[in-house]
Amino acid sequence: MESSAMYHGNKVRTLRLHAGIATQKELANRAKISPTIISDLERGRRELNPSWAMRIAEAVGTSWQNLFEEEVE
């Protein structure tokens, strides 16, 4: 079972790439979050908090709720 941190990290990475944002640094600049935090999030080393979720969602053009929704296959 995938941990919550890994799930959200994968979701952040997928949304970043889908938005055409090639690098973690670019996402960090757009979201006004430290590049280290973005890196840690994408690697599952940090839990995604609501403040970061809102900033990341705005940077990639989606709702913050989308970062917490589970995908249905």
PDB file of N, CA and C in Angstrom:
ATOM      1  N   MET A   1       0.844  -1.180   0.000  1.00  0.00           N
ATOM      2  CA  MET A   1       0.000   0.000   0.000  1.00  0.00           C
ATOM      3  C   MET A   1       0.888   1.241   0.000  1.00  0.00           C
ATOM      4  N   GLU A   2       0.573   2.163  -0.861  1.00  0.00           N
ATOM      5  CA  GLU A   2       1.338   3.398  -0.993  1.00  0.00           C
ATOM      6  C   GLU A   2       1.028   4.330   0.182  1.00  0.00           C
ATOM      7  N   SER A   3       2.072   4.926   0.754  1.00  0.00           N
ATOM      8  CA  SER A   3       1.854   5.861   1.860  1.00  0.00           C
ATOM      9  C   SER A   3       1.186   7.128   1.348  1.00  0.00           C
ATOM     10  N   SER A   4       0.584   7.850   2.256  1.00  0.00           N
ATOM     11  CA  SER A   4      -0.067   9.111   1.910  1.00  0.00           C
ATOM     12  C   SER A   4       0.941  10.095   1.321  1.00  0.00           C
ATOM     13  N   ALA A   5       2.138  10.169   1.902  1.00  0.00           N
ATOM     14  CA  ALA A   5       3.166  11.088   1.392  1.00  0.00           C
ATOM     15  C   ALA A   5       3.571  10.712  -0.029  1.00  0.00           C
ATOM     16  N   MET A   6       3.726   9.416  -0.295  1.00  0.00           N
ATOM     17  CA  MET A   6       4.095   8.976  -1.648  1.00  0.00           C
ATOM     18  C   MET A   6       2.962   9.246  -2.633  1.00  0.00           C
ATOM     19  N   TYR A   7       1.732   8.982  -2.226  1.00  0.00           N
ATOM     20  CA  TYR A   7       0.583   9.228  -3.101  1.00  0.00           C
ATOM     21  C   TYR A   7       0.528  10.700  -3.498  1.00  0.00           C
ATOM     22  N   HIS A   8       0.609  11.589  -2.506  1.00  0.00           N
ATOM     23  CA  HIS A   8       0.533  13.022  -2.800  1.00  0.00           C
ATOM     24  C   HIS A   8       1.744  13.495  -3.596  1.00  0.00           C
ATOM     25  N   GLY A   9       2.903  12.929  -3.306  1.00  0.00           N
ATOM     26  CA  GLY A   9       4.100  13.280  -4.074  1.00  0.00           C
ATOM     27  C   GLY A   9       3.961  12.919  -5.534  1.00  0.00           C
ATOM     28  N   ASN A  10       3.444  11.726  -5.789  1.00  0.00           N
ATOM     29  CA  ASN A  10       3.217  11.306  -7.178  1.00  0.00           C
ATOM     30  C   ASN A  10       2.178  12.191  -7.848  1.00  0.00           C
ATOM     31  N   LYS A  11       1.170  12.580  -7.101  1.00  0.00           N
ATOM     32  CA  LYS A  11       0.117  13.447  -7.640  1.00  0.00           C
ATOM     33  C   LYS A  11       0.689  14.820  -7.991  1.00  0.00           C
ATOM     34  N   VAL A  12       1.523  15.384  -7.113  1.00  0.00           N
ATOM     35  CA  VAL A  12       2.155  16.679  -7.388  1.00  0.00           C
ATOM     36  C   VAL A  12       3.001  16.581  -8.659  1.00  0.00           C
ATOM     37  N   ARG A  13       3.818  15.535  -8.759  1.00  0.00           N
ATOM     38  CA  ARG A  13       4.680  15.361  -9.935  1.00  0.00           C
ATOM     39  C   ARG A  13       3.843  15.229 -11.209  1.00  0.00           C
ATOM     40  N   THR A  14       2.801  14.413 -11.168  1.00  0.00           N
ATOM     41  CA  THR A  14       1.943  14.213 -12.337  1.00  0.00           C
ATOM     42  C   THR A  14       1.279  15.514 -12.764  1.00  0.00           C
ATOM     43  N   LEU A  15       0.733  16.258 -11.819  1.00  0.00           N
ATOM     44  CA  LEU A  15       0.076  17.526 -12.146  1.00  0.00           C
ATOM     45  C   LEU A  15       1.075  18.553 -12.663  1.00  0.00           C
ATOM     46  N   ARG A  16       2.278  18.570 -12.083  1.00  0.00           N
ATOM     47  CA  ARG A  16       3.324  19.492 -12.544  1.00  0.00           C
ATOM     48  C   ARG A  16       3.652  19.225 -14.006  1.00  0.00           C
ATOM     49  N   LEU A  17       3.893  17.981 -14.329  1.00  0.00           N
ATOM     50  CA  LEU A  17       4.258  17.626 -15.703  1.00  0.00           C
ATOM     51  C   LEU A  17       3.095  17.851 -16.660  1.00  0.00           C
ATOM     52  N   HIS A  18       1.886  17.526 -16.227  1.00  0.00           N
ATOM     53  CA  HIS A  18       0.695  17.732 -17.055  1.00  0.00           C
ATOM     54  C   HIS A  18       0.488  19.217 -17.361  1.00  0.00           C
ATOM     55  N   ALA A  19       0.889  20.075 -16.427  1.00  0.00           N
ATOM     56  CA  ALA A  19       0.759  21.527 -16.614  1.00  0.00           C
ATOM     57  C   ALA A  19       1.890  22.094 -17.469  1.00  0.00           C
ATOM     58  N   GLY A  20       2.821  21.234 -17.885  1.00  0.00           N
ATOM     59  CA  GLY A  20       3.928  21.697 -18.716  1.00  0.00           C
ATOM     60  C   GLY A  20       5.032  22.375 -17.929  1.00  0.00           C
ATOM     61  N   ILE A  21       5.076  22.118 -16.640  1.00  0.00           N
ATOM     62  CA  ILE A  21       6.127  22.678 -15.787  1.00  0.00           C
ATOM     63  C   ILE A  21       7.216  21.612 -15.681  1.00  0.00           C
ATOM     64  N   ALA A  22       8.331  21.870 -16.355  1.00  0.00           N
ATOM     65  CA  ALA A  22       9.357  20.844 -16.510  1.00  0.00           C
ATOM     66  C   ALA A  22      10.160  20.562 -15.245  1.00  0.00           C
ATOM     67  N   THR A  23      10.364  21.572 -14.419  1.00  0.00           N
ATOM     68  CA  THR A  23      11.254  21.371 -13.274  1.00  0.00           C
ATOM     69  C   THR A  23      10.565  21.663 -11.947  1.00  0.00           C
ATOM     70  N   GLN A  24      11.091  21.027 -10.921  1.00  0.00           N
ATOM     71  CA  GLN A  24      10.615  21.290  -9.567  1.00  0.00           C
ATOM     72  C   GLN A  24      10.890  22.742  -9.193  1.00  0.00           C
ATOM     73  N   LYS A  25      12.021  23.275  -9.635  1.00  0.00           N
ATOM     74  CA  LYS A  25      12.379  24.662  -9.319  1.00  0.00           C
ATOM     75  C   LYS A  25      11.355  25.637  -9.902  1.00  0.00           C
ATOM     76  N   GLU A  26      10.914  25.376 -11.132  1.00  0.00           N
ATOM     77  CA  GLU A  26       9.909  26.244 -11.750  1.00  0.00           C
ATOM     78  C   GLU A  26       8.597  26.193 -10.963  1.00  0.00           C
ATOM     79  N   LEU A  27       8.184  24.998 -10.558  1.00  0.00           N
ATOM     80  CA  LEU A  27       6.973  24.882  -9.742  1.00  0.00           C
ATOM     81  C   LEU A  27       7.155  25.625  -8.420  1.00  0.00           C
ATOM     82  N   ALA A  28       8.307  25.464  -7.808  1.00  0.00           N
ATOM     83  CA  ALA A  28       8.580  26.146  -6.543  1.00  0.00           C
ATOM     84  C   ALA A  28       8.462  27.660  -6.703  1.00  0.00           C
ATOM     85  N   ASN A  29       9.014  28.189  -7.781  1.00  0.00           N
ATOM     86  CA  ASN A  29       8.930  29.633  -8.026  1.00  0.00           C
ATOM     87  C   ASN A  29       7.485  30.076  -8.212  1.00  0.00           C
ATOM     88  N   ARG A  30       6.731  29.334  -9.003  1.00  0.00           N
ATOM     89  CA  ARG A  30       5.328  29.690  -9.258  1.00  0.00           C
ATOM     90  C   ARG A  30       4.472  29.590  -8.000  1.00  0.00           C
ATOM     91  N   ALA A  31       4.753  28.581  -7.185  1.00  0.00           N
ATOM     92  CA  ALA A  31       3.947  28.339  -5.984  1.00  0.00           C
ATOM     93  C   ALA A  31       4.476  29.087  -4.754  1.00  0.00           C
ATOM     94  N   LYS A  32       5.629  29.723  -4.919  1.00  0.00           N
ATOM     95  CA  LYS A  32       6.261  30.440  -3.798  1.00  0.00           C
ATOM     96  C   LYS A  32       6.504  29.504  -2.610  1.00  0.00           C
ATOM     97  N   ILE A  33       7.087  28.344  -2.955  1.00  0.00           N
ATOM     98  CA  ILE A  33       7.462  27.328  -1.973  1.00  0.00           C
ATOM     99  C   ILE A  33       8.922  26.982  -2.241  1.00  0.00           C
ATOM    100  N   SER A  34       9.657  26.659  -1.224  1.00  0.00           N
ATOM    101  CA  SER A  34      11.064  26.286  -1.374  1.00  0.00           C
ATOM    102  C   SER A  34      11.216  25.096  -2.330  1.00  0.00           C
ATOM    103  N   PRO A  35      12.222  25.142  -3.222  1.00  0.00           N
ATOM    104  CA  PRO A  35      12.479  23.993  -4.099  1.00  0.00           C
ATOM    105  C   PRO A  35      12.742  22.707  -3.310  1.00  0.00           C
ATOM    106  N   THR A  36      13.341  22.832  -2.141  1.00  0.00           N
ATOM    107  CA  THR A  36      13.595  21.657  -1.302  1.00  0.00           C
ATOM    108  C   THR A  36      12.286  21.016  -0.861  1.00  0.00           C
ATOM    109  N   ILE A  37      11.309  21.832  -0.531  1.00  0.00           N
ATOM    110  CA  ILE A  37      10.005  21.299  -0.122  1.00  0.00           C
ATOM    111  C   ILE A  37       9.347  20.577  -1.289  1.00  0.00           C
ATOM    112  N   ILE A  38       9.374  21.180  -2.486  1.00  0.00           N
ATOM    113  CA  ILE A  38       8.792  20.521  -3.665  1.00  0.00           C
ATOM    114  C   ILE A  38       9.480  19.184  -3.904  1.00  0.00           C
ATOM    115  N   SER A  39      10.804  19.170  -3.838  1.00  0.00           N
ATOM    116  CA  SER A  39      11.556  17.931  -4.027  1.00  0.00           C
ATOM    117  C   SER A  39      11.158  16.887  -2.991  1.00  0.00           C
ATOM    118  N   ASP A  40      11.107  17.300  -1.728  1.00  0.00           N
ATOM    119  CA  ASP A  40      10.725  16.364  -0.661  1.00  0.00           C
ATOM    120  C   ASP A  40       9.298  15.851  -0.841  1.00  0.00           C
ATOM    121  N   LEU A  41       8.386  16.726  -1.258  1.00  0.00           N
ATOM    122  CA  LEU A  41       7.005  16.302  -1.501  1.00  0.00           C
ATOM    123  C   LEU A  41       6.957  15.249  -2.597  1.00  0.00           C
ATOM    124  N   GLU A  42       7.615  15.536  -3.727  1.00  0.00           N
ATOM    125  CA  GLU A  42       7.565  14.609  -4.859  1.00  0.00           C
ATOM    126  C   GLU A  42       8.226  13.273  -4.545  1.00  0.00           C
ATOM    127  N   ARG A  43       9.147  13.254  -3.624  1.00  0.00           N
ATOM    128  CA  ARG A  43       9.823  12.011  -3.247  1.00  0.00           C
ATOM    129  C   ARG A  43       9.130  11.292  -2.088  1.00  0.00           C
ATOM    130  N   GLY A  44       8.052  11.883  -1.581  1.00  0.00           N
ATOM    131  CA  GLY A  44       7.330  11.256  -0.476  1.00  0.00           C
ATOM    132  C   GLY A  44       8.012  11.410   0.861  1.00  0.00           C
ATOM    133  N   ARG A  45       8.885  12.400   0.982  1.00  0.00           N
ATOM    134  CA  ARG A  45       9.606  12.623   2.236  1.00  0.00           C
ATOM    135  C   ARG A  45       8.890  13.599   3.163  1.00  0.00           C
ATOM    136  N   ARG A  46       7.877  14.290   2.642  1.00  0.00           N
ATOM    137  CA  ARG A  46       7.081  15.224   3.445  1.00  0.00           C
ATOM    138  C   ARG A  46       5.616  15.001   3.138  1.00  0.00           C
ATOM    139  N   GLU A  47       4.803  15.247   4.142  1.00  0.00           N
ATOM    140  CA  GLU A  47       3.352  15.211   3.951  1.00  0.00           C
ATOM    141  C   GLU A  47       2.904  16.537   3.346  1.00  0.00           C
ATOM    142  N   LEU A  48       1.948  16.482   2.462  1.00  0.00           N
ATOM    143  CA  LEU A  48       1.388  17.676   1.839  1.00  0.00           C
ATOM    144  C   LEU A  48       0.431  18.343   2.814  1.00  0.00           C
ATOM    145  N   ASN A  49       0.663  19.621   3.112  1.00  0.00           N
ATOM    146  CA  ASN A  49      -0.259  20.328   4.000  1.00  0.00           C
ATOM    147  C   ASN A  49      -1.188  21.223   3.174  1.00  0.00           C
ATOM    148  N   PRO A  50      -2.295  21.663   3.745  1.00  0.00           N
ATOM    149  CA  PRO A  50      -3.277  22.447   2.984  1.00  0.00           C
ATOM    150  C   PRO A  50      -2.719  23.733   2.376  1.00  0.00           C
ATOM    151  N   SER A  51      -1.832  24.410   3.079  1.00  0.00           N
ATOM    152  CA  SER A  51      -1.257  25.649   2.553  1.00  0.00           C
ATOM    153  C   SER A  51      -0.458  25.386   1.282  1.00  0.00           C
ATOM    154  N   TRP A  52       0.396  24.375   1.318  1.00  0.00           N
ATOM    155  CA  TRP A  52       1.181  24.027   0.128  1.00  0.00           C
ATOM    156  C   TRP A  52       0.267  23.534  -0.984  1.00  0.00           C
ATOM    157  N   ALA A  53      -0.747  22.751  -0.623  1.00  0.00           N
ATOM    158  CA  ALA A  53      -1.673  22.222  -1.631  1.00  0.00           C
ATOM    159  C   ALA A  53      -2.348  23.351  -2.396  1.00  0.00           C
ATOM    160  N   MET A  54      -2.781  24.385  -1.685  1.00  0.00           N
ATOM    161  CA  MET A  54      -3.452  25.510  -2.354  1.00  0.00           C
ATOM    162  C   MET A  54      -2.497  26.235  -3.298  1.00  0.00           C
ATOM    163  N   ARG A  55      -1.266  26.440  -2.862  1.00  0.00           N
ATOM    164  CA  ARG A  55      -0.290  27.140  -3.711  1.00  0.00           C
ATOM    165  C   ARG A  55       0.105  26.309  -4.929  1.00  0.00           C
ATOM    166  N   ILE A  56       0.318  25.021  -4.721  1.00  0.00           N
ATOM    167  CA  ILE A  56       0.684  24.141  -5.835  1.00  0.00           C
ATOM    168  C   ILE A  56      -0.468  24.049  -6.822  1.00  0.00           C
ATOM    169  N   ALA A  57      -1.677  23.880  -6.312  1.00  0.00           N
ATOM    170  CA  ALA A  57      -2.849  23.779  -7.187  1.00  0.00           C
ATOM    171  C   ALA A  57      -2.991  25.023  -8.056  1.00  0.00           C
ATOM    172  N   GLU A  58      -2.830  26.189  -7.463  1.00  0.00           N
ATOM    173  CA  GLU A  58      -2.931  27.428  -8.232  1.00  0.00           C
ATOM    174  C   GLU A  58      -1.837  27.484  -9.301  1.00  0.00           C
ATOM    175  N   ALA A  59      -0.636  27.052  -8.955  1.00  0.00           N
ATOM    176  CA  ALA A  59       0.490  27.088  -9.891  1.00  0.00           C
ATOM    177  C   ALA A  59       0.288  26.156 -11.084  1.00  0.00           C
ATOM    178  N   VAL A  60      -0.402  25.034 -10.868  1.00  0.00           N
ATOM    179  CA  VAL A  60      -0.607  24.075 -11.965  1.00  0.00           C
ATOM    180  C   VAL A  60      -1.987  24.189 -12.599  1.00  0.00           C
ATOM    181  N   GLY A  61      -2.815  25.100 -12.075  1.00  0.00           N
ATOM    182  CA  GLY A  61      -4.116  25.351 -12.688  1.00  0.00           C
ATOM    183  C   GLY A  61      -5.191  24.334 -12.373  1.00  0.00           C
ATOM    184  N   THR A  62      -5.231  23.883 -11.129  1.00  0.00           N
ATOM    185  CA  THR A  62      -6.266  22.936 -10.716  1.00  0.00           C
ATOM    186  C   THR A  62      -6.769  23.347  -9.334  1.00  0.00           C
ATOM    187  N   SER A  63      -7.719  22.604  -8.804  1.00  0.00           N
ATOM    188  CA  SER A  63      -8.215  22.890  -7.455  1.00  0.00           C
ATOM    189  C   SER A  63      -7.352  22.135  -6.442  1.00  0.00           C
ATOM    190  N   TRP A  64      -7.271  22.676  -5.244  1.00  0.00           N
ATOM    191  CA  TRP A  64      -6.472  22.004  -4.221  1.00  0.00           C
ATOM    192  C   TRP A  64      -7.069  20.646  -3.866  1.00  0.00           C
ATOM    193  N   GLN A  65      -8.402  20.520  -4.013  1.00  0.00           N
ATOM    194  CA  GLN A  65      -9.054  19.242  -3.706  1.00  0.00           C
ATOM    195  C   GLN A  65      -8.544  18.134  -4.625  1.00  0.00           C
ATOM    196  N   ASN A  66      -8.170  18.507  -5.845  1.00  0.00           N
ATOM    197  CA  ASN A  66      -7.668  17.523  -6.798  1.00  0.00           C
ATOM    198  C   ASN A  66      -6.406  16.831  -6.284  1.00  0.00           C
ATOM    199  N   LEU A  67      -5.643  17.504  -5.456  1.00  0.00           N
ATOM    200  CA  LEU A  67      -4.431  16.896  -4.901  1.00  0.00           C
ATOM    201  C   LEU A  67      -4.751  15.816  -3.873  1.00  0.00           C
ATOM    202  N   PHE A  68      -5.969  15.839  -3.333  1.00  0.00           N
ATOM    203  CA  PHE A  68      -6.344  14.889  -2.290  1.00  0.00           C
ATOM    204  C   PHE A  68      -7.312  13.811  -2.774  1.00  0.00           C
ATOM    205  N   GLU A  69      -7.821  13.957  -3.992  1.00  0.00           N
ATOM    206  CA  GLU A  69      -8.758  12.966  -4.526  1.00  0.00           C
ATOM    207  C   GLU A  69      -8.013  11.713  -4.952  1.00  0.00           C
ATOM    208  N   GLU A  70      -8.612  10.584  -4.652  1.00  0.00           N
ATOM    209  CA  GLU A  70      -8.056   9.324  -5.132  1.00  0.00           C
ATOM    210  C   GLU A  70      -8.587   9.073  -6.524  1.00  0.00           C
ATOM    211  N   GLU A  71      -7.703   8.566  -7.375  1.00  0.00           N
ATOM    212  CA  GLU A  71      -8.121   8.263  -8.739  1.00  0.00           C
ATOM    213  C   GLU A  71      -8.855   6.934  -8.754  1.00  0.00           C
ATOM    214  N   VAL A  72      -9.928   6.892  -9.497  1.00  0.00           N
ATOM    215  CA  VAL A  72     -10.708   5.667  -9.636  1.00  0.00           C
ATOM    216  C   VAL A  72     -10.358   5.047 -10.975  1.00  0.00           C
ATOM    217  N   GLU A  73     -10.018   3.767 -10.942  1.00  0.00           N
ATOM    218  CA  GLU A  73      -9.642   3.096 -12.190  1.00  0.00           C
ATOM    219  C   GLU A  73     -10.826   2.463 -12.857  1.00  0.00           C
TER     220      GLU A  73
END
